[in-house]
């Protein structure tokens, strides 16, 4: 399950050491961690990472297969998390140490800055291959954070991007060695902590207003 630590003014949210799928309990745990970060005072920033092979594999499809009647509420909860991170009133950095697929990849896009492992791991939106259309909110998020042609290729082909390819496509900002992913993200975050506050939150909320509004809309089951 997710854990939250703090080093100086930088909070580090570790999503877990499994596939880190968005189960209801996982979403609750991440939400509680974000409450703590958001309610803290003064200079601060957030680094989101994970431990092991996966950053996150996205929706908990196994849970959904036995709770189909809860689809709308569940996906709404996922979207609300994406919207919340996108508009957090503090700098955010995703340290992508492993595979980031589907909603896990979308979570990275909700962060201000993205650092990815260079030698292994993929960033991918596989929805076209698993026959799950993007919701309007998810489409808005992806298209607000990626260049149009990159968004088109990623969304319509399910292309898997390694670290160097992700940098070239503008999906991530840096690709670094495995042992430098977290430390690089923390270093970037530490240099931005003074930006935290209501003004930054307002800037991001207005900059991404269409995506935030669409993500906060309830999804029908």
N, C-alpha and C. Protein backbone atom coordinates (compact mmCIF):
# COMPACT_ATOMS: atom_id res chain seq x y z
N UNK A 1 0.84 -1.21 0.00
CA UNK A 1 0.00 0.00 0.00
C UNK A 1 0.88 1.25 0.00
N UNK A 2 0.34 2.38 -0.41
CA UNK A 2 1.12 3.61 -0.48
C UNK A 2 1.63 4.06 0.89
N UNK A 3 2.80 4.69 0.88
CA UNK A 3 3.38 5.26 2.10
C UNK A 3 3.85 6.67 1.79
N UNK A 4 3.87 7.51 2.82
CA UNK A 4 4.29 8.89 2.66
C UNK A 4 5.42 9.21 3.63
N UNK A 5 6.52 9.74 3.10
CA UNK A 5 7.64 10.18 3.91
C UNK A 5 7.94 11.63 3.58
N UNK A 6 8.73 12.25 4.44
CA UNK A 6 9.11 13.64 4.20
C UNK A 6 10.59 13.83 4.45
N UNK A 7 11.25 14.50 3.50
CA UNK A 7 12.66 14.85 3.64
C UNK A 7 12.78 16.35 3.45
N UNK A 8 12.94 17.08 4.55
CA UNK A 8 12.93 18.53 4.46
C UNK A 8 11.58 19.02 4.00
N UNK A 9 11.57 19.77 2.92
CA UNK A 9 10.31 20.30 2.39
C UNK A 9 9.72 19.44 1.28
N UNK A 10 10.32 18.28 1.02
CA UNK A 10 9.84 17.42 -0.05
C UNK A 10 9.15 16.18 0.53
N UNK A 11 7.88 16.02 0.21
CA UNK A 11 7.14 14.81 0.55
C UNK A 11 7.39 13.77 -0.55
N UNK A 12 7.59 12.52 -0.16
CA UNK A 12 7.77 11.44 -1.12
C UNK A 12 6.66 10.42 -0.91
N UNK A 13 5.79 10.31 -1.90
CA UNK A 13 4.69 9.35 -1.87
C UNK A 13 5.10 8.13 -2.68
N UNK A 14 5.26 6.99 -1.99
CA UNK A 14 5.59 5.73 -2.65
C UNK A 14 4.30 4.96 -2.85
N UNK A 15 3.96 4.67 -4.09
CA UNK A 15 2.68 4.05 -4.43
C UNK A 15 2.61 2.58 -4.05
N UNK A 16 3.74 1.95 -3.75
CA UNK A 16 3.74 0.55 -3.35
C UNK A 16 4.77 -0.25 -4.10
N UNK A 17 4.81 -1.57 -3.82
CA UNK A 17 5.82 -2.43 -4.42
C UNK A 17 5.20 -3.58 -5.21
N UNK A 18 3.94 -3.41 -5.63
CA UNK A 18 3.28 -4.41 -6.47
C UNK A 18 2.98 -3.77 -7.82
N UNK A 19 1.86 -4.14 -8.45
CA UNK A 19 1.46 -3.45 -9.68
C UNK A 19 0.82 -2.11 -9.39
N UNK A 20 0.53 -1.86 -8.11
CA UNK A 20 0.00 -0.57 -7.66
C UNK A 20 -1.23 -0.16 -8.47
N UNK A 21 -2.12 -1.12 -8.64
CA UNK A 21 -3.37 -0.82 -9.33
C UNK A 21 -4.29 -0.01 -8.42
N UNK A 22 -5.18 0.72 -9.04
CA UNK A 22 -6.04 1.67 -8.33
C UNK A 22 -7.24 0.97 -7.68
N UNK A 23 -6.99 0.16 -6.69
CA UNK A 23 -8.09 -0.46 -5.96
C UNK A 23 -8.77 0.60 -5.09
N UNK A 24 -10.00 0.37 -4.66
CA UNK A 24 -10.65 1.35 -3.79
C UNK A 24 -9.83 1.67 -2.54
N UNK A 25 -9.25 0.66 -1.90
CA UNK A 25 -8.44 0.90 -0.70
C UNK A 25 -7.19 1.70 -1.04
N UNK A 26 -6.60 1.40 -2.19
CA UNK A 26 -5.41 2.14 -2.64
C UNK A 26 -5.75 3.61 -2.88
N UNK A 27 -6.87 3.85 -3.52
CA UNK A 27 -7.30 5.23 -3.78
C UNK A 27 -7.53 5.98 -2.47
N UNK A 28 -8.12 5.32 -1.50
CA UNK A 28 -8.34 5.95 -0.19
C UNK A 28 -7.02 6.30 0.47
N UNK A 29 -6.05 5.39 0.39
CA UNK A 29 -4.75 5.62 0.99
C UNK A 29 -4.00 6.77 0.33
N UNK A 30 -4.05 6.82 -0.99
CA UNK A 30 -3.40 7.93 -1.71
C UNK A 30 -4.08 9.25 -1.37
N UNK A 31 -5.40 9.22 -1.31
CA UNK A 31 -6.14 10.43 -0.95
C UNK A 31 -5.76 10.96 0.42
N UNK A 32 -5.59 10.05 1.39
CA UNK A 32 -5.19 10.46 2.73
C UNK A 32 -3.80 11.07 2.72
N UNK A 33 -2.89 10.50 1.93
CA UNK A 33 -1.54 11.05 1.82
C UNK A 33 -1.58 12.45 1.21
N UNK A 34 -2.39 12.64 0.19
CA UNK A 34 -2.50 13.96 -0.43
C UNK A 34 -3.12 14.97 0.54
N UNK A 35 -4.05 14.52 1.38
CA UNK A 35 -4.60 15.40 2.42
C UNK A 35 -3.48 15.95 3.29
N UNK A 36 -2.60 15.06 3.72
CA UNK A 36 -1.50 15.48 4.60
C UNK A 36 -0.57 16.46 3.89
N UNK A 37 -0.25 16.18 2.64
CA UNK A 37 0.63 17.07 1.88
C UNK A 37 -0.03 18.43 1.67
N UNK A 38 -1.29 18.40 1.30
CA UNK A 38 -1.98 19.65 0.98
C UNK A 38 -2.22 20.51 2.22
N UNK A 39 -2.42 19.87 3.36
CA UNK A 39 -2.69 20.61 4.58
C UNK A 39 -1.44 21.11 5.28
N UNK A 40 -0.28 20.63 4.86
CA UNK A 40 0.97 21.12 5.44
C UNK A 40 1.16 22.59 5.09
N UNK A 41 1.88 23.28 5.93
CA UNK A 41 2.09 24.70 5.72
C UNK A 41 3.49 24.97 5.20
N UNK A 42 3.64 26.12 4.56
CA UNK A 42 4.96 26.56 4.13
C UNK A 42 5.42 25.96 2.82
N UNK A 43 6.73 26.12 2.56
CA UNK A 43 7.32 25.61 1.33
C UNK A 43 7.25 24.09 1.31
N UNK A 44 6.86 23.53 0.17
CA UNK A 44 6.77 22.08 0.07
C UNK A 44 6.57 21.68 -1.38
N UNK A 45 6.88 20.41 -1.65
CA UNK A 45 6.66 19.84 -2.98
C UNK A 45 6.42 18.34 -2.79
N UNK A 46 5.93 17.71 -3.84
CA UNK A 46 5.60 16.29 -3.78
C UNK A 46 6.32 15.53 -4.88
N UNK A 47 6.95 14.41 -4.50
CA UNK A 47 7.49 13.44 -5.45
C UNK A 47 6.66 12.18 -5.32
N UNK A 48 6.15 11.68 -6.44
CA UNK A 48 5.39 10.43 -6.45
C UNK A 48 6.21 9.39 -7.18
N UNK A 49 6.41 8.24 -6.55
CA UNK A 49 7.21 7.17 -7.13
C UNK A 49 6.65 5.84 -6.68
N UNK A 50 7.39 4.77 -6.87
CA UNK A 50 7.00 3.45 -6.40
C UNK A 50 8.26 2.63 -6.20
N UNK A 51 8.08 1.38 -5.79
CA UNK A 51 9.21 0.50 -5.54
C UNK A 51 9.04 -0.77 -6.37
N UNK A 52 10.08 -1.14 -7.12
CA UNK A 52 10.00 -2.37 -7.88
C UNK A 52 9.76 -2.17 -9.36
N UNK A 53 9.14 -3.16 -9.98
CA UNK A 53 9.01 -3.23 -11.43
C UNK A 53 7.98 -2.25 -11.99
N UNK A 54 7.00 -1.86 -11.18
CA UNK A 54 5.89 -1.04 -11.68
C UNK A 54 5.80 0.29 -10.95
N UNK A 55 5.54 1.35 -11.71
CA UNK A 55 5.07 2.60 -11.13
C UNK A 55 3.58 2.40 -10.83
N UNK A 56 2.81 2.10 -11.85
CA UNK A 56 1.41 1.71 -11.66
C UNK A 56 0.86 1.14 -12.95
N UNK A 57 0.05 0.09 -12.81
CA UNK A 57 -0.62 -0.51 -13.96
C UNK A 57 -2.05 -0.02 -14.11
N UNK A 58 -2.43 1.00 -13.33
CA UNK A 58 -3.72 1.65 -13.57
C UNK A 58 -4.91 0.99 -12.90
N UNK A 59 -6.04 0.98 -13.60
CA UNK A 59 -7.30 0.50 -13.03
C UNK A 59 -7.17 -0.94 -12.52
N UNK A 60 -7.89 -1.21 -11.44
CA UNK A 60 -7.91 -2.56 -10.89
C UNK A 60 -8.99 -3.35 -11.62
N UNK A 61 -8.63 -3.91 -12.76
CA UNK A 61 -9.60 -4.60 -13.61
C UNK A 61 -10.13 -5.87 -12.95
N UNK A 62 -9.33 -6.50 -12.12
CA UNK A 62 -9.81 -7.70 -11.41
C UNK A 62 -10.93 -7.33 -10.44
N UNK A 63 -10.73 -6.23 -9.70
CA UNK A 63 -11.78 -5.78 -8.79
C UNK A 63 -13.02 -5.39 -9.58
N UNK A 64 -12.83 -4.70 -10.69
CA UNK A 64 -13.97 -4.26 -11.49
C UNK A 64 -14.76 -5.44 -12.04
N UNK A 65 -14.08 -6.54 -12.35
CA UNK A 65 -14.77 -7.69 -12.92
C UNK A 65 -15.79 -8.30 -11.96
N UNK A 66 -15.62 -8.05 -10.69
CA UNK A 66 -16.57 -8.56 -9.69
C UNK A 66 -17.42 -7.46 -9.07
N UNK A 67 -17.26 -6.23 -9.57
CA UNK A 67 -18.04 -5.10 -9.05
C UNK A 67 -18.51 -4.23 -10.22
N UNK A 68 -19.01 -4.87 -11.26
CA UNK A 68 -19.36 -4.13 -12.47
C UNK A 68 -20.42 -3.06 -12.21
N UNK A 69 -21.26 -3.29 -11.22
CA UNK A 69 -22.31 -2.32 -10.92
C UNK A 69 -21.76 -1.05 -10.28
N UNK A 70 -20.47 -1.07 -9.91
CA UNK A 70 -19.85 0.10 -9.29
C UNK A 70 -18.91 0.84 -10.24
N UNK A 71 -18.98 0.49 -11.52
CA UNK A 71 -18.07 1.07 -12.51
C UNK A 71 -18.06 2.60 -12.47
N UNK A 72 -19.23 3.22 -12.51
CA UNK A 72 -19.30 4.67 -12.58
C UNK A 72 -18.66 5.35 -11.39
N UNK A 73 -19.02 4.90 -10.20
CA UNK A 73 -18.45 5.50 -9.00
C UNK A 73 -16.96 5.28 -8.89
N UNK A 74 -16.52 4.09 -9.28
CA UNK A 74 -15.09 3.77 -9.21
C UNK A 74 -14.28 4.65 -10.17
N UNK A 75 -14.70 4.72 -11.42
CA UNK A 75 -13.96 5.52 -12.40
C UNK A 75 -14.03 7.00 -12.05
N UNK A 76 -15.15 7.44 -11.51
CA UNK A 76 -15.23 8.82 -11.04
C UNK A 76 -14.18 9.09 -9.98
N UNK A 77 -13.98 8.14 -9.06
CA UNK A 77 -12.97 8.29 -8.03
C UNK A 77 -11.57 8.39 -8.59
N UNK A 78 -11.28 7.58 -9.62
CA UNK A 78 -9.98 7.64 -10.28
C UNK A 78 -9.79 9.01 -10.93
N UNK A 79 -10.82 9.47 -11.62
CA UNK A 79 -10.72 10.77 -12.29
C UNK A 79 -10.54 11.90 -11.29
N UNK A 80 -11.22 11.82 -10.16
CA UNK A 80 -11.08 12.87 -9.15
C UNK A 80 -9.65 12.92 -8.62
N UNK A 81 -9.00 11.75 -8.49
CA UNK A 81 -7.59 11.73 -8.09
C UNK A 81 -6.72 12.42 -9.13
N UNK A 82 -6.93 12.11 -10.40
CA UNK A 82 -6.15 12.73 -11.46
C UNK A 82 -6.33 14.25 -11.46
N UNK A 83 -7.57 14.69 -11.30
CA UNK A 83 -7.84 16.13 -11.27
C UNK A 83 -7.18 16.78 -10.07
N UNK A 84 -7.22 16.10 -8.94
CA UNK A 84 -6.63 16.67 -7.72
C UNK A 84 -5.14 16.87 -7.88
N UNK A 85 -4.46 15.85 -8.39
CA UNK A 85 -3.00 15.97 -8.56
C UNK A 85 -2.68 17.04 -9.59
N UNK A 86 -3.44 17.10 -10.66
CA UNK A 86 -3.20 18.08 -11.72
C UNK A 86 -3.24 19.50 -11.20
N UNK A 87 -4.11 19.77 -10.24
CA UNK A 87 -4.30 21.13 -9.75
C UNK A 87 -3.76 21.36 -8.34
N UNK A 88 -2.95 20.46 -7.82
CA UNK A 88 -2.41 20.65 -6.47
C UNK A 88 -1.69 21.98 -6.36
N UNK A 89 -1.85 22.68 -5.25
CA UNK A 89 -1.21 23.99 -5.08
C UNK A 89 0.24 23.89 -4.61
N UNK A 90 0.98 22.96 -5.17
CA UNK A 90 2.39 22.77 -4.86
C UNK A 90 3.04 22.04 -6.02
N UNK A 91 4.34 22.18 -6.18
CA UNK A 91 5.03 21.51 -7.28
C UNK A 91 4.98 19.99 -7.11
N UNK A 92 4.83 19.28 -8.22
CA UNK A 92 4.74 17.82 -8.19
C UNK A 92 5.68 17.23 -9.23
N UNK A 93 6.36 16.16 -8.85
CA UNK A 93 7.30 15.48 -9.75
C UNK A 93 7.02 13.98 -9.70
N UNK A 94 6.82 13.36 -10.85
CA UNK A 94 6.65 11.91 -10.92
C UNK A 94 8.00 11.28 -11.19
N UNK A 95 8.41 10.36 -10.32
CA UNK A 95 9.66 9.61 -10.48
C UNK A 95 9.29 8.22 -10.96
N UNK A 96 9.35 7.99 -12.26
CA UNK A 96 8.80 6.79 -12.90
C UNK A 96 9.91 5.74 -12.97
N UNK A 97 9.98 4.91 -11.94
CA UNK A 97 11.07 3.93 -11.83
C UNK A 97 10.75 2.61 -12.51
N UNK A 98 9.48 2.43 -12.93
CA UNK A 98 9.06 1.19 -13.57
C UNK A 98 7.94 1.44 -14.55
N UNK A 99 7.28 0.38 -14.96
CA UNK A 99 6.21 0.50 -15.96
C UNK A 99 5.09 1.42 -15.48
N UNK A 100 4.65 2.31 -16.36
CA UNK A 100 3.49 3.17 -16.10
C UNK A 100 2.51 2.97 -17.25
N UNK A 101 1.42 2.26 -16.97
CA UNK A 101 0.47 1.90 -18.01
C UNK A 101 -0.91 2.48 -17.69
N UNK A 102 -1.64 2.82 -18.76
CA UNK A 102 -3.05 3.21 -18.66
C UNK A 102 -3.24 4.34 -17.64
N UNK A 103 -4.12 4.14 -16.66
CA UNK A 103 -4.35 5.21 -15.68
C UNK A 103 -3.10 5.52 -14.88
N UNK A 104 -2.17 4.55 -14.76
CA UNK A 104 -0.89 4.83 -14.12
C UNK A 104 -0.09 5.83 -14.93
N UNK A 105 -0.12 5.70 -16.25
CA UNK A 105 0.54 6.68 -17.11
C UNK A 105 -0.15 8.03 -17.03
N UNK A 106 -1.49 8.01 -16.94
CA UNK A 106 -2.23 9.27 -16.79
C UNK A 106 -1.89 9.96 -15.49
N UNK A 107 -1.65 9.18 -14.43
CA UNK A 107 -1.26 9.79 -13.17
C UNK A 107 0.07 10.53 -13.32
N UNK A 108 1.00 9.98 -14.10
CA UNK A 108 2.26 10.70 -14.31
C UNK A 108 2.01 12.02 -15.02
N UNK A 109 1.06 12.02 -15.96
CA UNK A 109 0.76 13.25 -16.71
C UNK A 109 0.14 14.32 -15.83
N UNK A 110 -0.44 13.92 -14.70
CA UNK A 110 -1.03 14.89 -13.78
C UNK A 110 0.03 15.67 -13.01
N UNK A 111 1.27 15.19 -13.04
CA UNK A 111 2.36 15.86 -12.33
C UNK A 111 2.99 16.95 -13.20
N UNK A 112 3.59 17.92 -12.53
CA UNK A 112 4.22 19.03 -13.25
C UNK A 112 5.45 18.59 -14.04
N UNK A 113 6.24 17.71 -13.44
CA UNK A 113 7.51 17.26 -14.03
C UNK A 113 7.55 15.75 -13.96
N UNK A 114 8.21 15.12 -14.96
CA UNK A 114 8.31 13.66 -14.99
C UNK A 114 9.75 13.22 -15.26
N UNK A 115 10.25 12.34 -14.40
CA UNK A 115 11.58 11.75 -14.57
C UNK A 115 11.38 10.25 -14.70
N UNK A 116 12.01 9.64 -15.71
CA UNK A 116 11.79 8.23 -16.00
C UNK A 116 13.11 7.47 -16.04
N UNK A 117 13.06 6.22 -15.68
CA UNK A 117 14.22 5.34 -15.79
C UNK A 117 14.58 5.17 -17.27
N UNK A 118 15.87 5.25 -17.58
CA UNK A 118 16.29 5.26 -18.98
C UNK A 118 16.42 3.87 -19.59
N UNK A 119 16.82 2.87 -18.80
CA UNK A 119 17.22 1.61 -19.40
C UNK A 119 16.12 0.56 -19.49
N UNK A 120 15.15 0.63 -18.60
CA UNK A 120 14.07 -0.36 -18.61
C UNK A 120 12.76 0.30 -18.19
N UNK A 121 11.65 -0.34 -18.55
CA UNK A 121 10.34 0.18 -18.18
C UNK A 121 9.69 0.93 -19.33
N UNK A 122 8.37 0.82 -19.41
CA UNK A 122 7.64 1.47 -20.49
C UNK A 122 6.55 2.39 -19.94
N UNK A 123 6.29 3.45 -20.70
CA UNK A 123 5.14 4.33 -20.49
C UNK A 123 4.18 4.04 -21.63
N UNK A 124 2.93 3.72 -21.31
CA UNK A 124 2.02 3.25 -22.37
C UNK A 124 0.56 3.52 -22.02
N UNK A 125 -0.20 3.87 -23.04
CA UNK A 125 -1.66 3.98 -22.94
C UNK A 125 -2.25 2.86 -23.81
N UNK A 126 -2.54 1.68 -23.24
CA UNK A 126 -2.93 0.51 -24.03
C UNK A 126 -4.43 0.37 -24.26
N UNK A 127 -5.20 1.41 -23.97
CA UNK A 127 -6.66 1.28 -24.01
C UNK A 127 -7.19 0.78 -25.35
N UNK A 128 -6.56 1.19 -26.46
CA UNK A 128 -7.04 0.75 -27.77
C UNK A 128 -6.90 -0.77 -27.92
N UNK A 129 -5.92 -1.36 -27.25
CA UNK A 129 -5.68 -2.80 -27.36
C UNK A 129 -6.49 -3.62 -26.37
N UNK A 130 -6.93 -3.00 -25.28
CA UNK A 130 -7.72 -3.74 -24.29
C UNK A 130 -9.20 -3.36 -24.35
N UNK A 131 -9.55 -2.61 -25.40
CA UNK A 131 -10.95 -2.28 -25.69
C UNK A 131 -11.64 -1.53 -24.55
N UNK A 132 -10.92 -0.58 -23.98
CA UNK A 132 -11.51 0.30 -22.96
C UNK A 132 -11.34 1.74 -23.44
N UNK A 133 -12.38 2.37 -23.97
CA UNK A 133 -12.25 3.74 -24.48
C UNK A 133 -11.88 4.71 -23.36
N UNK A 134 -11.13 5.72 -23.70
CA UNK A 134 -10.84 6.78 -22.74
C UNK A 134 -12.13 7.53 -22.41
N UNK A 135 -12.32 7.86 -21.17
CA UNK A 135 -13.44 8.73 -20.82
C UNK A 135 -13.14 10.14 -21.34
N UNK A 136 -14.15 11.00 -21.46
CA UNK A 136 -13.88 12.37 -21.88
C UNK A 136 -12.85 13.07 -20.97
N UNK A 137 -12.93 12.80 -19.67
CA UNK A 137 -11.98 13.43 -18.76
C UNK A 137 -10.56 12.96 -18.98
N UNK A 138 -10.40 11.66 -19.18
CA UNK A 138 -9.07 11.12 -19.43
C UNK A 138 -8.50 11.65 -20.74
N UNK A 139 -9.34 11.70 -21.78
CA UNK A 139 -8.90 12.27 -23.06
C UNK A 139 -8.45 13.71 -22.88
N UNK A 140 -9.22 14.48 -22.12
CA UNK A 140 -8.88 15.89 -21.91
C UNK A 140 -7.56 16.03 -21.18
N UNK A 141 -7.33 15.18 -20.18
CA UNK A 141 -6.07 15.22 -19.44
C UNK A 141 -4.89 14.93 -20.37
N UNK A 142 -4.97 13.85 -21.11
CA UNK A 142 -3.86 13.46 -21.98
C UNK A 142 -3.58 14.54 -23.02
N UNK A 143 -4.63 15.05 -23.63
CA UNK A 143 -4.45 16.05 -24.68
C UNK A 143 -4.00 17.40 -24.14
N UNK A 144 -4.23 17.65 -22.85
CA UNK A 144 -3.77 18.90 -22.26
C UNK A 144 -2.30 18.85 -21.86
N UNK A 145 -1.73 17.64 -21.74
CA UNK A 145 -0.36 17.49 -21.25
C UNK A 145 0.62 16.99 -22.30
N UNK A 146 0.12 16.56 -23.45
CA UNK A 146 1.00 16.08 -24.51
C UNK A 146 0.78 16.87 -25.79
N UNK A 147 1.82 16.94 -26.62
CA UNK A 147 1.68 17.57 -27.93
C UNK A 147 0.65 16.79 -28.74
N UNK A 148 -0.07 17.45 -29.63
CA UNK A 148 -1.16 16.78 -30.35
C UNK A 148 -0.76 15.49 -31.05
N UNK A 149 0.36 15.49 -31.78
CA UNK A 149 0.74 14.28 -32.51
C UNK A 149 1.16 13.16 -31.55
N UNK A 150 1.82 13.54 -30.46
CA UNK A 150 2.20 12.53 -29.47
C UNK A 150 0.96 11.92 -28.83
N UNK A 151 0.00 12.76 -28.47
CA UNK A 151 -1.24 12.26 -27.89
C UNK A 151 -1.95 11.34 -28.86
N UNK A 152 -1.98 11.72 -30.14
CA UNK A 152 -2.66 10.90 -31.15
C UNK A 152 -2.01 9.52 -31.24
N UNK A 153 -0.70 9.48 -31.35
CA UNK A 153 0.00 8.20 -31.48
C UNK A 153 -0.19 7.36 -30.22
N UNK A 154 0.02 7.98 -29.06
CA UNK A 154 -0.08 7.23 -27.80
C UNK A 154 -1.48 6.67 -27.59
N UNK A 155 -2.49 7.45 -27.92
CA UNK A 155 -3.87 7.04 -27.65
C UNK A 155 -4.42 6.07 -28.70
N UNK A 156 -4.01 6.20 -29.95
CA UNK A 156 -4.62 5.39 -31.01
C UNK A 156 -3.81 4.16 -31.38
N UNK A 157 -2.55 4.07 -30.95
CA UNK A 157 -1.73 2.91 -31.29
C UNK A 157 -1.30 2.10 -30.08
N UNK A 158 -1.40 2.67 -28.87
CA UNK A 158 -0.94 1.96 -27.70
C UNK A 158 0.57 1.78 -27.67
N UNK A 159 1.29 2.66 -28.33
CA UNK A 159 2.75 2.55 -28.41
C UNK A 159 3.38 2.54 -27.03
N UNK A 160 4.39 1.70 -26.86
CA UNK A 160 5.15 1.64 -25.61
C UNK A 160 6.41 2.49 -25.76
N UNK A 161 6.56 3.45 -24.87
CA UNK A 161 7.71 4.34 -24.91
C UNK A 161 8.71 3.98 -23.82
N UNK A 162 9.94 3.71 -24.21
CA UNK A 162 11.02 3.61 -23.26
C UNK A 162 11.46 5.00 -22.84
N UNK A 163 12.41 5.08 -21.92
CA UNK A 163 12.80 6.37 -21.38
C UNK A 163 13.26 7.37 -22.42
N UNK A 164 14.21 6.98 -23.28
CA UNK A 164 14.73 7.90 -24.29
C UNK A 164 13.65 8.33 -25.26
N UNK A 165 12.81 7.38 -25.67
CA UNK A 165 11.70 7.71 -26.59
C UNK A 165 10.71 8.64 -25.94
N UNK A 166 10.46 8.44 -24.64
CA UNK A 166 9.51 9.29 -23.93
C UNK A 166 10.02 10.73 -23.83
N UNK A 167 11.34 10.87 -23.63
CA UNK A 167 11.92 12.23 -23.62
C UNK A 167 11.76 12.87 -24.99
N UNK A 168 12.10 12.13 -26.04
CA UNK A 168 12.02 12.66 -27.40
C UNK A 168 10.60 13.08 -27.76
N UNK A 169 9.62 12.33 -27.25
CA UNK A 169 8.21 12.63 -27.55
C UNK A 169 7.64 13.71 -26.64
N UNK A 170 8.40 14.13 -25.65
CA UNK A 170 7.91 15.16 -24.72
C UNK A 170 6.99 14.61 -23.66
N UNK A 171 6.98 13.28 -23.48
CA UNK A 171 6.13 12.68 -22.45
C UNK A 171 6.75 12.87 -21.08
N UNK A 172 8.07 12.72 -20.99
CA UNK A 172 8.79 12.94 -19.74
C UNK A 172 9.87 13.99 -19.98
N UNK A 173 10.37 14.56 -18.89
CA UNK A 173 11.36 15.63 -19.00
C UNK A 173 12.79 15.13 -19.00
N UNK A 174 13.02 14.02 -18.28
CA UNK A 174 14.36 13.46 -18.21
C UNK A 174 14.27 11.94 -18.15
N UNK A 175 15.30 11.27 -18.67
CA UNK A 175 15.48 9.83 -18.49
C UNK A 175 16.86 9.62 -17.90
N UNK A 176 16.91 8.96 -16.76
CA UNK A 176 18.16 8.83 -16.02
C UNK A 176 18.36 7.37 -15.60
N UNK A 177 19.52 7.08 -15.03
CA UNK A 177 19.82 5.73 -14.57
C UNK A 177 18.87 5.31 -13.46
N UNK A 178 18.67 4.00 -13.32
CA UNK A 178 17.72 3.47 -12.34
C UNK A 178 17.95 4.04 -10.95
N UNK A 179 19.22 4.09 -10.52
CA UNK A 179 19.50 4.52 -9.15
C UNK A 179 19.44 6.02 -8.97
N UNK A 180 19.15 6.74 -10.05
CA UNK A 180 19.09 8.21 -9.97
C UNK A 180 17.69 8.75 -10.15
N UNK A 181 16.70 7.87 -10.40
CA UNK A 181 15.35 8.35 -10.69
C UNK A 181 14.78 9.13 -9.51
N UNK A 182 14.77 8.49 -8.34
CA UNK A 182 14.17 9.14 -7.17
C UNK A 182 14.97 10.36 -6.74
N UNK A 183 16.27 10.24 -6.69
CA UNK A 183 17.10 11.35 -6.21
C UNK A 183 17.01 12.54 -7.15
N UNK A 184 16.94 12.28 -8.46
CA UNK A 184 16.80 13.38 -9.42
C UNK A 184 15.46 14.09 -9.23
N UNK A 185 14.41 13.31 -9.03
CA UNK A 185 13.08 13.89 -8.82
C UNK A 185 13.05 14.72 -7.54
N UNK A 186 13.66 14.21 -6.48
CA UNK A 186 13.69 14.95 -5.21
C UNK A 186 14.49 16.24 -5.37
N UNK A 187 15.59 16.18 -6.11
CA UNK A 187 16.39 17.39 -6.34
C UNK A 187 15.59 18.44 -7.10
N UNK A 188 14.87 18.01 -8.13
CA UNK A 188 14.03 18.95 -8.88
C UNK A 188 12.96 19.55 -7.97
N UNK A 189 12.30 18.68 -7.21
CA UNK A 189 11.23 19.14 -6.32
C UNK A 189 11.75 20.11 -5.27
N UNK A 190 12.94 19.83 -4.72
CA UNK A 190 13.51 20.69 -3.68
C UNK A 190 13.77 22.10 -4.21
N UNK A 191 14.07 22.21 -5.48
CA UNK A 191 14.31 23.53 -6.07
C UNK A 191 13.05 24.31 -6.35
N UNK A 192 11.89 23.68 -6.18
CA UNK A 192 10.62 24.33 -6.50
C UNK A 192 9.72 24.54 -5.30
N UNK A 193 10.17 24.14 -4.10
CA UNK A 193 9.28 24.15 -2.93
C UNK A 193 8.73 25.54 -2.61
N UNK A 194 9.51 26.57 -2.92
CA UNK A 194 9.06 27.93 -2.62
C UNK A 194 7.89 28.40 -3.47
N UNK A 195 7.55 27.64 -4.50
CA UNK A 195 6.43 28.01 -5.37
C UNK A 195 5.08 27.58 -4.80
N UNK A 196 5.08 26.74 -3.78
CA UNK A 196 3.82 26.21 -3.24
C UNK A 196 2.94 27.32 -2.70
N UNK A 197 1.65 27.15 -2.87
CA UNK A 197 0.71 28.12 -2.32
C UNK A 197 -0.49 28.31 -3.21
N UNK A 198 -1.39 29.15 -2.75
CA UNK A 198 -2.66 29.35 -3.44
C UNK A 198 -2.48 29.88 -4.86
N UNK A 199 -1.48 30.74 -5.06
CA UNK A 199 -1.27 31.29 -6.40
C UNK A 199 -0.95 30.20 -7.40
N UNK A 200 -0.05 29.28 -7.04
CA UNK A 200 0.28 28.17 -7.93
C UNK A 200 -0.95 27.31 -8.19
N UNK A 201 -1.72 27.06 -7.15
CA UNK A 201 -2.93 26.27 -7.34
C UNK A 201 -3.90 26.92 -8.30
N UNK A 202 -4.06 28.23 -8.19
CA UNK A 202 -4.95 28.96 -9.09
C UNK A 202 -4.44 28.93 -10.51
N UNK A 203 -3.12 29.12 -10.68
CA UNK A 203 -2.54 29.08 -12.02
C UNK A 203 -2.81 27.73 -12.69
N UNK A 204 -2.56 26.64 -11.97
CA UNK A 204 -2.75 25.32 -12.56
C UNK A 204 -4.22 25.03 -12.81
N UNK A 205 -5.08 25.41 -11.87
CA UNK A 205 -6.51 25.17 -12.04
C UNK A 205 -7.06 25.90 -13.27
N UNK A 206 -6.58 27.12 -13.50
CA UNK A 206 -7.04 27.88 -14.66
C UNK A 206 -6.39 27.38 -15.95
N UNK A 207 -5.11 27.01 -15.88
CA UNK A 207 -4.41 26.52 -17.06
C UNK A 207 -5.05 25.25 -17.60
N UNK A 208 -5.47 24.38 -16.69
CA UNK A 208 -6.04 23.09 -17.08
C UNK A 208 -7.53 23.00 -16.77
N UNK A 209 -8.20 24.14 -16.78
CA UNK A 209 -9.61 24.18 -16.38
C UNK A 209 -10.49 23.19 -17.15
N UNK A 210 -10.40 23.09 -18.48
CA UNK A 210 -11.26 22.13 -19.19
C UNK A 210 -11.02 20.69 -18.75
N UNK A 211 -9.76 20.31 -18.58
CA UNK A 211 -9.45 18.94 -18.16
C UNK A 211 -9.92 18.69 -16.74
N UNK A 212 -9.66 19.64 -15.85
CA UNK A 212 -10.08 19.49 -14.45
C UNK A 212 -11.60 19.35 -14.36
N UNK A 213 -12.31 20.20 -15.07
CA UNK A 213 -13.78 20.15 -15.04
C UNK A 213 -14.29 18.82 -15.57
N UNK A 214 -13.70 18.34 -16.66
CA UNK A 214 -14.14 17.09 -17.24
C UNK A 214 -13.81 15.90 -16.33
N UNK A 215 -12.65 15.94 -15.69
CA UNK A 215 -12.27 14.86 -14.78
C UNK A 215 -13.15 14.83 -13.52
N UNK A 216 -13.61 15.98 -13.11
CA UNK A 216 -14.44 16.03 -11.89
C UNK A 216 -15.89 15.68 -12.16
N UNK A 217 -16.28 15.58 -13.42
CA UNK A 217 -17.65 15.20 -13.74
C UNK A 217 -17.84 13.72 -13.42
N UNK A 218 -18.99 13.38 -12.88
CA UNK A 218 -19.27 12.00 -12.53
C UNK A 218 -19.40 11.15 -13.80
N UNK A 219 -18.83 9.95 -13.73
CA UNK A 219 -18.92 9.00 -14.83
C UNK A 219 -20.14 8.11 -14.60
N UNK A 220 -20.92 7.94 -15.63
CA UNK A 220 -22.11 7.09 -15.52
C UNK A 220 -21.73 5.61 -15.66
N UNK A 221 -22.30 4.76 -14.85
CA UNK A 221 -21.99 3.34 -14.90
C UNK A 221 -22.61 2.65 -16.10
